[in-house]
Amino acid sequence: MTAKTCAACDCELDSTAMLVTIGTRVVEVCCDECAEKLREAGTQAG
């Protein structure tokens, strides 16, 4: 089985992973800090 990693920092995800919607994509992140980084990047890119 392939380990899933955080979309922001590439850390291995565990049972505390969070789903974050960026534009039309849903990605998994490891923590609130990574979720916020992706949200900020999504608003700047779009």
Protein backbone atom coordinates (compact mmCIF):
# COMPACT_ATOMS: atom_id res chain seq x y z
CA MET A 1 0.00 0.00 0.00
CA THR A 2 1.31 3.45 -0.90
CA ALA A 3 1.42 5.99 1.91
CA LYS A 4 -0.54 9.20 1.35
CA THR A 5 1.28 12.47 1.89
CA CYS A 6 0.26 16.02 2.70
CA ALA A 7 -0.39 18.21 -0.36
CA ALA A 8 1.52 21.09 1.25
CA CYS A 9 4.55 19.61 3.01
CA ASP A 10 4.75 15.94 1.88
CA CYS A 11 4.53 14.61 5.44
CA GLU A 12 2.91 11.21 5.73
CA LEU A 13 -0.80 11.47 6.52
CA ASP A 14 -2.41 9.64 9.40
CA SER A 15 -5.94 9.46 10.83
CA THR A 16 -5.88 13.21 11.63
CA ALA A 17 -5.66 14.24 7.95
CA MET A 18 -7.97 17.04 6.84
CA LEU A 19 -9.69 17.64 3.50
CA VAL A 20 -9.27 21.11 1.98
CA THR A 21 -10.96 22.44 -1.15
CA ILE A 22 -8.71 24.54 -3.37
CA GLY A 23 -10.62 25.82 -6.38
CA THR A 24 -12.34 22.70 -7.71
CA ARG A 25 -9.88 20.21 -6.21
CA VAL A 26 -10.09 18.50 -2.83
CA VAL A 27 -6.72 17.64 -1.27
CA GLU A 28 -5.59 16.13 2.01
CA VAL A 29 -3.32 17.95 4.45
CA CYS A 30 -1.77 17.02 7.77
CA CYS A 31 -2.67 20.09 9.86
CA ASP A 32 -4.39 23.48 10.05
CA GLU A 33 -1.15 25.27 9.17
CA CYS A 34 -0.80 23.39 5.88
CA ALA A 35 -4.49 23.92 5.11
CA GLU A 36 -4.07 27.68 5.56
CA LYS A 37 -0.95 27.72 3.34
CA LEU A 38 -2.86 26.03 0.53
CA ARG A 39 -5.88 28.30 0.91
CA GLU A 40 -3.63 31.36 0.68
CA ALA A 41 -1.80 29.98 -2.34
CA GLY A 42 -5.12 29.16 -4.02
CA THR A 43 -6.43 32.70 -3.63
CA GLN A 44 -3.20 34.22 -4.99
CA ALA A 45 -3.09 31.91 -8.00
CA GLY A 46 -6.68 32.28 -8.99
